[in-house]
Amino acid sequence: MANSTMLALIQQATAEMGLASPTAVAGSTVQDTVQELALLNAIGYQLQREYEWQQITKEYRFPTVFYTYTGNVANGSTTVSSMSSITGLSTTPTYFSVTGSGMQQDTYLVTVTGTSATLSLPASASGTSVSLTFSQTMYANPSDFDRLKDRTDWDKSKHWEMLGPETGQQWQWLKSGFISTGPRIRYRMLGGLFQIWPPSGIADYLGLEYVSKNWVLSTSATITPDKASFTVDTDTCIFPDRLMVVGLKHLYFQVKGFGDVYLDEWNRQLSIAKANDGGSPTLSMAPRLSEVLITQQNVPDSGYGT
């Protein structure tokens, strides 16, 4: 069953408080109605940040991007000339790490024009038609991204969990140290981008879960929220009606200086909403390790392997 509209929520809350119920909210110039809408949005903002609600938790999948081209490099120069191609290379921002003969560690593509490219560090050796791999290590997040969900970041091609998020100190050690890079992909959120290390140089398929910033559904949305605020009277939201109504009453009394009259009811409705969101596992009071390896307890007396 769909949740109530923004207008219906405010009408219910105002009726319960003995206030005048508006016939329209969006675009109203009545000060109390304007404040009620602002407080209802404030409740949504708080709830969206407070918990990983299942309806705004999403999966994000993307392949790593890389290109292998040839070019001429000179010792001490940051220029790569006579490149075989520049197709796909982007420098806004500097998404691509550059590896190959004569390339220093943590070298990035800075600019690319025509058949030439400029690197962040000079080459340590000269060469003609040197094979260079441009690996994208920085990836833009989805447009509705708010925050990562912990320990959901996986390298699906290698069936390994990615390691991270790394701290600034660990990140610089990985990118600059001698024996610091291993086979596992490590990650970090930096500069609003999802960054990985080491440069893969191959087509890996990565995935993660994140919490969306959107918690409001417009009239055209049915399941997936597409807005981050109530703006139209017919908007609905993912949160239970009773939670939003009690929340509005609680905040309204607070800002009017009447104290925390509805605080206990607010906390009770919030606990109910969290407990019922997505279900909960059944916990054993006497857990035991599962038999994941072959032992005498799970090998038949005869016929094994036939």
C-alpha atoms as a PDB file:
ATOM      1  CA  MET A   1       0.000   0.000   0.000  1.00  0.00           C
ATOM      2  CA  ALA A   2       1.345   3.389  -0.962  1.00  0.00           C
ATOM      3  CA  ASN A   3       2.181   5.842   1.782  1.00  0.00           C
ATOM      4  CA  SER A   4       0.165   9.027   2.247  1.00  0.00           C
ATOM      5  CA  THR A   5       0.928  12.145   0.273  1.00  0.00           C
ATOM      6  CA  MET A   6       2.802  15.071   1.730  1.00  0.00           C
ATOM      7  CA  LEU A   7      -0.451  17.038   1.941  1.00  0.00           C
ATOM      8  CA  ALA A   8      -2.221  14.198   3.775  1.00  0.00           C
ATOM      9  CA  LEU A   9       0.630  13.855   6.291  1.00  0.00           C
ATOM     10  CA  ILE A  10       0.506  17.541   7.193  1.00  0.00           C
ATOM     11  CA  GLN A  11      -3.282  17.520   7.355  1.00  0.00           C
ATOM     12  CA  GLN A  12      -3.213  14.544   9.735  1.00  0.00           C
ATOM     13  CA  ALA A  13      -0.565  16.097  11.998  1.00  0.00           C
ATOM     14  CA  THR A  14      -2.272  19.492  12.178  1.00  0.00           C
ATOM     15  CA  ALA A  15      -5.648  17.888  12.901  1.00  0.00           C
ATOM     16  CA  GLU A  16      -4.143  15.896  15.777  1.00  0.00           C
ATOM     17  CA  MET A  17      -2.632  19.082  17.229  1.00  0.00           C
ATOM     18  CA  GLY A  18      -5.873  21.037  16.872  1.00  0.00           C
ATOM     19  CA  LEU A  19      -4.452  23.387  14.255  1.00  0.00           C
ATOM     20  CA  ALA A  20      -5.958  24.604  11.003  1.00  0.00           C
ATOM     21  CA  SER A  21      -5.384  21.977   8.301  1.00  0.00           C
ATOM     22  CA  PRO A  22      -4.223  23.422   4.969  1.00  0.00           C
ATOM     23  CA  THR A  23      -5.964  22.534   1.725  1.00  0.00           C
ATOM     24  CA  ALA A  24      -2.673  22.959  -0.138  1.00  0.00           C
ATOM     25  CA  VAL A  25       0.926  23.083   1.066  1.00  0.00           C
ATOM     26  CA  ALA A  26       3.348  23.536  -1.840  1.00  0.00           C
ATOM     27  CA  GLY A  27       3.442  27.195  -2.802  1.00  0.00           C
ATOM     28  CA  SER A  28       1.484  28.317   0.253  1.00  0.00           C
ATOM     29  CA  THR A  29       2.405  31.680   1.761  1.00  0.00           C
ATOM     30  CA  VAL A  30       0.835  30.939   5.146  1.00  0.00           C
ATOM     31  CA  GLN A  31       3.762  31.025   7.579  1.00  0.00           C
ATOM     32  CA  ASP A  32       2.614  28.063   9.656  1.00  0.00           C
ATOM     33  CA  THR A  33       2.118  25.919   6.551  1.00  0.00           C
ATOM     34  CA  VAL A  34       5.540  26.908   5.195  1.00  0.00           C
ATOM     35  CA  GLN A  35       7.078  25.900   8.515  1.00  0.00           C
ATOM     36  CA  GLU A  36       5.209  22.587   8.621  1.00  0.00           C
ATOM     37  CA  LEU A  37       6.578  21.653   5.177  1.00  0.00           C
ATOM     38  CA  ALA A  38      10.106  22.625   6.239  1.00  0.00           C
ATOM     39  CA  LEU A  39       9.827  20.521   9.392  1.00  0.00           C
ATOM     40  CA  LEU A  40       8.462  17.527   7.470  1.00  0.00           C
ATOM     41  CA  ASN A  41      11.439  17.726   5.099  1.00  0.00           C
ATOM     42  CA  ALA A  42      13.774  18.056   8.084  1.00  0.00           C
ATOM     43  CA  ILE A  43      12.419  14.768   9.435  1.00  0.00           C
ATOM     44  CA  GLY A  44      13.106  13.089   6.102  1.00  0.00           C
ATOM     45  CA  TYR A  45      16.650  14.456   5.952  1.00  0.00           C
ATOM     46  CA  GLN A  46      17.354  13.134   9.454  1.00  0.00           C
ATOM     47  CA  LEU A  47      15.882   9.694   8.795  1.00  0.00           C
ATOM     48  CA  GLN A  48      17.715   9.301   5.484  1.00  0.00           C
ATOM     49  CA  ARG A  49      21.060   9.868   7.211  1.00  0.00           C
ATOM     50  CA  GLU A  50      20.290   7.898  10.355  1.00  0.00           C
ATOM     51  CA  TYR A  51      19.742   4.389   8.984  1.00  0.00           C
ATOM     52  CA  GLU A  52      20.399   2.230   5.921  1.00  0.00           C
ATOM     53  CA  TRP A  53      16.777   1.876   4.851  1.00  0.00           C
ATOM     54  CA  GLN A  54      16.294  -0.983   2.397  1.00  0.00           C
ATOM     55  CA  GLN A  55      14.281   1.076  -0.109  1.00  0.00           C
ATOM     56  CA  ILE A  56      17.104   3.569  -0.606  1.00  0.00           C
ATOM     57  CA  THR A  57      19.926   1.000  -0.556  1.00  0.00           C
ATOM     58  CA  LYS A  58      21.090   0.220  -4.075  1.00  0.00           C
ATOM     59  CA  GLU A  59      23.627  -1.906  -5.920  1.00  0.00           C
ATOM     60  CA  TYR A  60      26.123  -0.288  -8.284  1.00  0.00           C
ATOM     61  CA  ARG A  61      28.109  -2.303 -10.830  1.00  0.00           C
ATOM     62  CA  PHE A  62      30.740  -1.063 -13.249  1.00  0.00           C
ATOM     63  CA  PRO A  63      33.652  -2.426 -15.315  1.00  0.00           C
ATOM     64  CA  THR A  64      37.148  -1.033 -14.972  1.00  0.00           C
ATOM     65  CA  VAL A  65      38.305   0.942 -17.991  1.00  0.00           C
ATOM     66  CA  PHE A  66      41.737   0.789 -19.600  1.00  0.00           C
ATOM     67  CA  TYR A  67      43.415   1.512 -22.925  1.00  0.00           C
ATOM     68  CA  THR A  68      46.766   0.354 -24.272  1.00  0.00           C
ATOM     69  CA  TYR A  69      48.398   2.701 -26.765  1.00  0.00           C
ATOM     70  CA  THR A  70      51.942   3.330 -28.003  1.00  0.00           C
ATOM     71  CA  GLY A  71      53.898   6.583 -27.955  1.00  0.00           C
ATOM     72  CA  ASN A  72      57.346   8.127 -27.855  1.00  0.00           C
ATOM     73  CA  VAL A  73      58.797   9.140 -24.475  1.00  0.00           C
ATOM     74  CA  ALA A  74      62.001  10.933 -23.515  1.00  0.00           C
ATOM     75  CA  ASN A  75      63.953  10.691 -20.282  1.00  0.00           C
ATOM     76  CA  GLY A  76      63.089  13.647 -18.033  1.00  0.00           C
ATOM     77  CA  SER A  77      60.135  14.739 -20.156  1.00  0.00           C
ATOM     78  CA  THR A  78      56.446  14.635 -19.235  1.00  0.00           C
ATOM     79  CA  THR A  79      55.363  14.544 -22.889  1.00  0.00           C
ATOM     80  CA  VAL A  80      54.250  11.458 -24.794  1.00  0.00           C
ATOM     81  CA  SER A  81      54.309  12.141 -28.539  1.00  0.00           C
ATOM     82  CA  SER A  82      53.140  10.309 -31.664  1.00  0.00           C
ATOM     83  CA  MET A  83      50.543   8.335 -29.757  1.00  0.00           C
ATOM     84  CA  SER A  84      48.774   5.583 -31.673  1.00  0.00           C
ATOM     85  CA  SER A  85      45.404   6.821 -30.348  1.00  0.00           C
ATOM     86  CA  ILE A  86      43.826   8.965 -27.637  1.00  0.00           C
ATOM     87  CA  THR A  87      40.324   7.526 -27.897  1.00  0.00           C
ATOM     88  CA  GLY A  88      38.545   7.342 -24.551  1.00  0.00           C
ATOM     89  CA  LEU A  89      41.163   9.233 -22.566  1.00  0.00           C
ATOM     90  CA  SER A  90      39.732  11.884 -20.235  1.00  0.00           C
ATOM     91  CA  THR A  91      41.512  14.484 -18.132  1.00  0.00           C
ATOM     92  CA  THR A  92      38.595  16.185 -16.360  1.00  0.00           C
ATOM     93  CA  PRO A  93      39.525  15.171 -13.764  1.00  0.00           C
ATOM     94  CA  THR A  94      42.716  13.156 -14.225  1.00  0.00           C
ATOM     95  CA  TYR A  95      41.027   9.760 -14.164  1.00  0.00           C
ATOM     96  CA  PHE A  96      43.824   7.715 -15.768  1.00  0.00           C
ATOM     97  CA  SER A  97      46.961   6.263 -14.231  1.00  0.00           C
ATOM     98  CA  VAL A  98      49.770   5.531 -16.698  1.00  0.00           C
ATOM     99  CA  THR A  99      52.011   2.448 -16.519  1.00  0.00           C
ATOM    100  CA  GLY A 100      54.626   1.082 -18.880  1.00  0.00           C
ATOM    101  CA  SER A 101      58.334   1.187 -19.649  1.00  0.00           C
ATOM    102  CA  GLY A 102      59.919   4.360 -18.262  1.00  0.00           C
ATOM    103  CA  MET A 103      56.822   5.386 -16.290  1.00  0.00           C
ATOM    104  CA  GLN A 104      57.310   6.307 -12.648  1.00  0.00           C
ATOM    105  CA  GLN A 105      54.997   5.006  -9.963  1.00  0.00           C
ATOM    106  CA  ASP A 106      51.793   7.034  -9.442  1.00  0.00           C
ATOM    107  CA  THR A 107      52.009   8.749 -12.832  1.00  0.00           C
ATOM    108  CA  TYR A 108      48.745  10.215 -14.114  1.00  0.00           C
ATOM    109  CA  LEU A 109      47.517  11.610 -17.402  1.00  0.00           C
ATOM    110  CA  VAL A 110      47.206  15.415 -17.136  1.00  0.00           C
ATOM    111  CA  THR A 111      46.265  16.611 -20.620  1.00  0.00           C
ATOM    112  CA  VAL A 112      45.797  15.065 -24.040  1.00  0.00           C
ATOM    113  CA  THR A 113      45.704  16.894 -27.378  1.00  0.00           C
ATOM    114  CA  GLY A 114      45.910  15.531 -30.902  1.00  0.00           C
ATOM    115  CA  THR A 115      48.500  12.742 -30.761  1.00  0.00           C
ATOM    116  CA  SER A 116      50.307  13.991 -27.647  1.00  0.00           C
ATOM    117  CA  ALA A 117      49.745  13.637 -23.930  1.00  0.00           C
ATOM    118  CA  THR A 118      51.192  15.305 -20.851  1.00  0.00           C
ATOM    119  CA  LEU A 119      51.917  13.250 -17.742  1.00  0.00           C
ATOM    120  CA  SER A 120      52.140  14.245 -14.084  1.00  0.00           C
ATOM    121  CA  LEU A 121      55.683  12.860 -13.743  1.00  0.00           C
ATOM    122  CA  PRO A 122      58.578  12.748 -16.242  1.00  0.00           C
ATOM    123  CA  ALA A 123      59.631   9.503 -17.849  1.00  0.00           C
ATOM    124  CA  SER A 124      62.701   7.800 -16.392  1.00  0.00           C
ATOM    125  CA  ALA A 125      63.836   6.399 -19.745  1.00  0.00           C
ATOM    126  CA  SER A 126      63.548   7.158 -23.447  1.00  0.00           C
ATOM    127  CA  GLY A 127      61.815   4.995 -26.003  1.00  0.00           C
ATOM    128  CA  THR A 128      59.994   4.902 -29.329  1.00  0.00           C
ATOM    129  CA  SER A 129      56.575   3.315 -29.754  1.00  0.00           C
ATOM    130  CA  VAL A 130      56.572   2.378 -26.084  1.00  0.00           C
ATOM    131  CA  SER A 131      53.493   0.441 -24.976  1.00  0.00           C
ATOM    132  CA  LEU A 132      51.638   2.425 -22.331  1.00  0.00           C
ATOM    133  CA  THR A 133      48.573   1.339 -20.390  1.00  0.00           C
ATOM    134  CA  PHE A 134      46.111   4.025 -19.312  1.00  0.00           C
ATOM    135  CA  SER A 135      44.028   2.587 -16.472  1.00  0.00           C
ATOM    136  CA  GLN A 136      41.108   4.504 -15.010  1.00  0.00           C
ATOM    137  CA  THR A 137      41.484   4.555 -11.230  1.00  0.00           C
ATOM    138  CA  MET A 138      38.847   7.186 -10.398  1.00  0.00           C
ATOM    139  CA  TYR A 139      35.151   6.560 -10.985  1.00  0.00           C
ATOM    140  CA  ALA A 140      32.185   8.897 -10.612  1.00  0.00           C
ATOM    141  CA  ASN A 141      29.477   7.807  -8.201  1.00  0.00           C
ATOM    142  CA  PRO A 142      25.804   7.450  -9.203  1.00  0.00           C
ATOM    143  CA  SER A 143      23.911  10.748  -9.359  1.00  0.00           C
ATOM    144  CA  ASP A 144      21.863   9.873  -6.250  1.00  0.00           C
ATOM    145  CA  PHE A 145      24.846   8.624  -4.218  1.00  0.00           C
ATOM    146  CA  ASP A 146      24.989   9.605  -0.555  1.00  0.00           C
ATOM    147  CA  ARG A 147      27.285   7.114   1.194  1.00  0.00           C
ATOM    148  CA  LEU A 148      28.841   3.673   0.881  1.00  0.00           C
ATOM    149  CA  LYS A 149      27.495   0.637   2.671  1.00  0.00           C
ATOM    150  CA  ASP A 150      30.372  -0.954   4.585  1.00  0.00           C
ATOM    151  CA  ARG A 151      31.977  -4.171   3.314  1.00  0.00           C
ATOM    152  CA  THR A 152      29.908  -4.464   0.154  1.00  0.00           C
ATOM    153  CA  ASP A 153      32.760  -3.543  -2.221  1.00  0.00           C
ATOM    154  CA  TRP A 154      33.772  -6.573  -4.311  1.00  0.00           C
ATOM    155  CA  ASP A 155      35.984  -7.432  -7.256  1.00  0.00           C
ATOM    156  CA  LYS A 156      33.457  -9.727  -8.910  1.00  0.00           C
ATOM    157  CA  SER A 157      35.852 -10.877 -11.608  1.00  0.00           C
ATOM    158  CA  LYS A 158      38.330 -12.295  -9.093  1.00  0.00           C
ATOM    159  CA  HIS A 159      35.706 -13.141  -6.439  1.00  0.00           C
ATOM    160  CA  TRP A 160      37.583 -11.088  -3.832  1.00  0.00           C
ATOM    161  CA  GLU A 161      36.371  -8.436  -1.465  1.00  0.00           C
ATOM    162  CA  MET A 162      38.109  -5.145  -2.137  1.00  0.00           C
ATOM    163  CA  LEU A 163      40.200  -3.863   0.757  1.00  0.00           C
ATOM    164  CA  GLY A 164      39.302  -0.534   2.308  1.00  0.00           C
ATOM    165  CA  PRO A 165      38.339   2.146   2.699  1.00  0.00           C
ATOM    166  CA  GLU A 166      41.980   3.101   3.159  1.00  0.00           C
ATOM    167  CA  THR A 167      43.114   6.064   5.218  1.00  0.00           C
ATOM    168  CA  GLY A 168      45.054   8.933   3.662  1.00  0.00           C
ATOM    169  CA  GLN A 169      48.287   7.581   5.145  1.00  0.00           C
ATOM    170  CA  GLN A 170      47.679   4.054   3.816  1.00  0.00           C
ATOM    171  CA  TRP A 171      46.699   5.414   0.425  1.00  0.00           C
ATOM    172  CA  GLN A 172      49.920   7.359  -0.035  1.00  0.00           C
ATOM    173  CA  TRP A 173      51.966   4.388   1.161  1.00  0.00           C
ATOM    174  CA  LEU A 174      50.245   2.157  -1.400  1.00  0.00           C
ATOM    175  CA  LYS A 175      50.839   4.617  -4.235  1.00  0.00           C
ATOM    176  CA  SER A 176      54.376   5.611  -3.284  1.00  0.00           C
ATOM    177  CA  GLY A 177      55.974   2.802  -1.282  1.00  0.00           C
ATOM    178  CA  PHE A 178      58.272   0.101  -2.630  1.00  0.00           C
ATOM    179  CA  ILE A 179      56.655  -3.242  -1.810  1.00  0.00           C
ATOM    180  CA  SER A 180      53.156  -1.977  -1.109  1.00  0.00           C
ATOM    181  CA  THR A 181      50.976  -3.240  -3.960  1.00  0.00           C
ATOM    182  CA  GLY A 182      49.466  -6.718  -3.990  1.00  0.00           C
ATOM    183  CA  PRO A 183      46.865  -8.579  -6.061  1.00  0.00           C
ATOM    184  CA  ARG A 184      43.854  -7.302  -4.116  1.00  0.00           C
ATOM    185  CA  ILE A 185      42.151  -4.099  -5.258  1.00  0.00           C
ATOM    186  CA  ARG A 186      42.056  -1.422  -2.578  1.00  0.00           C
ATOM    187  CA  TYR A 187      39.677   1.505  -2.580  1.00  0.00           C
ATOM    188  CA  ARG A 188      38.994   4.881  -1.075  1.00  0.00           C
ATOM    189  CA  MET A 189      36.458   7.701  -1.404  1.00  0.00           C
ATOM    190  CA  LEU A 190      38.472  10.818  -2.283  1.00  0.00           C
ATOM    191  CA  GLY A 191      37.433  14.070  -3.914  1.00  0.00           C
ATOM    192  CA  GLY A 192      33.888  12.783  -4.370  1.00  0.00           C
ATOM    193  CA  LEU A 193      35.154   9.881  -6.505  1.00  0.00           C
ATOM    194  CA  PHE A 194      35.452   6.137  -5.899  1.00  0.00           C
ATOM    195  CA  GLN A 195      39.174   5.473  -6.330  1.00  0.00           C
ATOM    196  CA  ILE A 196      40.949   2.125  -6.714  1.00  0.00           C
ATOM    197  CA  TRP A 197      44.553   0.963  -6.542  1.00  0.00           C
ATOM    198  CA  PRO A 198      46.575  -0.581  -8.126  1.00  0.00           C
ATOM    199  CA  PRO A 199      45.779   0.325 -11.738  1.00  0.00           C
ATOM    200  CA  SER A 200      44.175  -2.851 -13.054  1.00  0.00           C
ATOM    201  CA  GLY A 201      45.233  -2.783 -16.695  1.00  0.00           C
ATOM    202  CA  ILE A 202      42.548  -5.417 -17.302  1.00  0.00           C
ATOM    203  CA  ALA A 203      38.759  -5.481 -17.518  1.00  0.00           C
ATOM    204  CA  ASP A 204      37.596  -6.176 -13.968  1.00  0.00           C
ATOM    205  CA  TYR A 205      33.954  -6.050 -12.922  1.00  0.00           C
ATOM    206  CA  LEU A 206      33.482  -4.224  -9.619  1.00  0.00           C
ATOM    207  CA  GLY A 207      30.428  -3.786  -7.448  1.00  0.00           C
ATOM    208  CA  LEU A 208      29.246  -2.137  -4.257  1.00  0.00           C
ATOM    209  CA  GLU A 209      26.139  -1.100  -2.367  1.00  0.00           C
ATOM    210  CA  TYR A 210      25.338   2.482  -1.475  1.00  0.00           C
ATOM    211  CA  VAL A 211      22.641   4.511   0.231  1.00  0.00           C
ATOM    212  CA  SER A 212      20.754   6.909  -2.027  1.00  0.00           C
ATOM    213  CA  LYS A 213      20.109  10.505  -1.035  1.00  0.00           C
ATOM    214  CA  ASN A 214      16.567  10.245  -2.464  1.00  0.00           C
ATOM    215  CA  TRP A 215      13.743   9.330  -0.095  1.00  0.00           C
ATOM    216  CA  VAL A 216      10.748  11.012  -1.789  1.00  0.00           C
ATOM    217  CA  LEU A 217       8.688   9.529  -4.627  1.00  0.00           C
ATOM    218  CA  SER A 218       7.084  11.793  -7.193  1.00  0.00           C
ATOM    219  CA  THR A 219       3.780  10.780  -8.759  1.00  0.00           C
ATOM    220  CA  SER A 220       5.682   9.151 -11.651  1.00  0.00           C
ATOM    221  CA  ALA A 221       7.764   6.949  -9.324  1.00  0.00           C
ATOM    222  CA  THR A 222       6.331   3.697  -7.993  1.00  0.00           C
ATOM    223  CA  ILE A 223       9.091   1.903  -6.068  1.00  0.00           C
ATOM    224  CA  THR A 224      12.368   3.794  -6.377  1.00  0.00           C
ATOM    225  CA  PRO A 225      12.530   7.277  -4.786  1.00  0.00           C
ATOM    226  CA  ASP A 226      13.553   9.974  -7.249  1.00  0.00           C
ATOM    227  CA  LYS A 227      13.628  13.136  -5.084  1.00  0.00           C
ATOM    228  CA  ALA A 228      15.472  14.297  -1.958  1.00  0.00           C
ATOM    229  CA  SER A 229      12.703  16.618  -0.649  1.00  0.00           C
ATOM    230  CA  PHE A 230       8.946  17.093  -0.623  1.00  0.00           C
ATOM    231  CA  THR A 231       8.118  19.751  -3.217  1.00  0.00           C
ATOM    232  CA  VAL A 232       4.631  18.832  -4.478  1.00  0.00           C
ATOM    233  CA  ASP A 233       1.481  18.055  -2.502  1.00  0.00           C
ATOM    234  CA  THR A 234       1.167  14.645  -4.187  1.00  0.00           C
ATOM    235  CA  ASP A 235       4.706  13.512  -3.278  1.00  0.00           C
ATOM    236  CA  THR A 236       5.017  10.445  -1.054  1.00  0.00           C
ATOM    237  CA  CYS A 237       8.003   9.074   0.875  1.00  0.00           C
ATOM    238  CA  ILE A 238       9.484   5.733   1.935  1.00  0.00           C
ATOM    239  CA  PHE A 239       8.959   6.259   5.661  1.00  0.00           C
ATOM    240  CA  PRO A 240       5.854   5.002   7.497  1.00  0.00           C
ATOM    241  CA  ASP A 241       2.989   7.472   7.789  1.00  0.00           C
ATOM    242  CA  ARG A 242       2.807   7.274  11.556  1.00  0.00           C
ATOM    243  CA  LEU A 243       6.519   7.979  11.923  1.00  0.00           C
ATOM    244  CA  MET A 244       6.281  11.103   9.756  1.00  0.00           C
ATOM    245  CA  VAL A 245       3.143  12.402  11.499  1.00  0.00           C
ATOM    246  CA  VAL A 246       4.563  11.926  14.992  1.00  0.00           C
ATOM    247  CA  GLY A 247       7.882  13.388  13.835  1.00  0.00           C
ATOM    248  CA  LEU A 248       6.157  16.508  12.549  1.00  0.00           C
ATOM    249  CA  LYS A 249       4.265  16.924  15.822  1.00  0.00           C
ATOM    250  CA  HIS A 250       7.485  16.412  17.791  1.00  0.00           C
ATOM    251  CA  LEU A 251       9.475  19.010  15.839  1.00  0.00           C
ATOM    252  CA  TYR A 252       6.570  21.452  15.719  1.00  0.00           C
ATOM    253  CA  PHE A 253       6.276  21.448  19.512  1.00  0.00           C
ATOM    254  CA  GLN A 254      10.046  21.828  19.856  1.00  0.00           C
ATOM    255  CA  VAL A 255      10.334  24.877  17.624  1.00  0.00           C
ATOM    256  CA  LYS A 256       7.308  26.478  19.280  1.00  0.00           C
ATOM    257  CA  GLY A 257       8.975  26.095  22.675  1.00  0.00           C
ATOM    258  CA  PHE A 258       6.562  23.488  24.086  1.00  0.00           C
ATOM    259  CA  GLY A 259       9.289  20.951  24.895  1.00  0.00           C
ATOM    260  CA  ASP A 260       9.634  17.257  24.012  1.00  0.00           C
ATOM    261  CA  VAL A 261       5.984  16.309  24.480  1.00  0.00           C
ATOM    262  CA  TYR A 262       6.074  13.745  21.658  1.00  0.00           C
ATOM    263  CA  LEU A 263       9.660  12.522  22.123  1.00  0.00           C
ATOM    264  CA  ASP A 264       8.747   9.122  23.615  1.00  0.00           C
ATOM    265  CA  GLU A 265       6.211   8.422  20.889  1.00  0.00           C
ATOM    266  CA  TRP A 266       8.723   9.519  18.239  1.00  0.00           C
ATOM    267  CA  ASN A 267      11.390   7.157  19.595  1.00  0.00           C
ATOM    268  CA  ARG A 268       8.864   4.312  19.754  1.00  0.00           C
ATOM    269  CA  GLN A 269       7.723   4.814  16.149  1.00  0.00           C
ATOM    270  CA  LEU A 270      11.334   5.106  14.985  1.00  0.00           C
ATOM    271  CA  SER A 271      12.269   1.825  16.675  1.00  0.00           C
ATOM    272  CA  ILE A 272       9.274   0.089  15.102  1.00  0.00           C
ATOM    273  CA  ALA A 273      10.146   1.416  11.649  1.00  0.00           C
ATOM    274  CA  LYS A 274      13.778   0.276  11.882  1.00  0.00           C
ATOM    275  CA  ALA A 275      12.829  -3.159  13.246  1.00  0.00           C
ATOM    276  CA  ASN A 276      10.350  -3.772  10.429  1.00  0.00           C
ATOM    277  CA  ASP A 277      12.493  -2.447   7.582  1.00  0.00           C
ATOM    278  CA  GLY A 278      13.733  -5.344   5.451  1.00  0.00           C
ATOM    279  CA  GLY A 279      13.285  -8.034   8.094  1.00  0.00           C
ATOM    280  CA  SER A 280      15.771  -9.420  10.598  1.00  0.00           C
ATOM    281  CA  PRO A 281      17.708 -12.696  10.838  1.00  0.00           C
ATOM    282  CA  THR A 282      16.918 -15.344  13.441  1.00  0.00           C
ATOM    283  CA  LEU A 283      19.795 -15.472  15.901  1.00  0.00           C
ATOM    284  CA  SER A 284      20.874 -18.731  17.500  1.00  0.00           C
ATOM    285  CA  MET A 285      21.589 -18.808  21.225  1.00  0.00           C
ATOM    286  CA  ALA A 286      23.989 -21.731  20.640  1.00  0.00           C
ATOM    287  CA  PRO A 287      25.719 -21.082  17.313  1.00  0.00           C
ATOM    288  CA  ARG A 288      28.171 -23.568  15.836  1.00  0.00           C
ATOM    289  CA  LEU A 289      30.524 -23.431  12.891  1.00  0.00           C
ATOM    290  CA  SER A 290      29.200 -24.938   9.683  1.00  0.00           C
ATOM    291  CA  GLU A 291      30.988 -27.927   8.161  1.00  0.00           C
ATOM    292  CA  VAL A 292      32.464 -26.239   5.110  1.00  0.00           C
ATOM    293  CA  LEU A 293      35.326 -28.704   4.600  1.00  0.00           C
ATOM    294  CA  ILE A 294      35.329 -32.414   3.860  1.00  0.00           C
ATOM    295  CA  THR A 295      35.604 -34.373   7.098  1.00  0.00           C
ATOM    296  CA  GLN A 296      34.649 -37.803   8.381  1.00  0.00           C
ATOM    297  CA  GLN A 297      31.270 -36.326   9.278  1.00  0.00           C
ATOM    298  CA  ASN A 298      30.178 -35.553   5.715  1.00  0.00           C
ATOM    299  CA  VAL A 299      31.956 -38.185   3.557  1.00  0.00           C
ATOM    300  CA  PRO A 300      29.814 -41.304   2.853  1.00  0.00           C
ATOM    301  CA  ASP A 301      31.131 -44.744   3.727  1.00  0.00           C
ATOM    302  CA  SER A 302      31.143 -45.704   0.063  1.00  0.00           C
ATOM    303  CA  GLY A 303      30.393 -44.300  -3.384  1.00  0.00           C
ATOM    304  CA  TYR A 304      32.151 -40.949  -2.816  1.00  0.00           C
ATOM    305  CA  GLY A 305      32.849 -39.250  -6.123  1.00  0.00           C
ATOM    306  CA  THR A 306      30.774 -41.603  -8.252  1.00  0.00           C
END
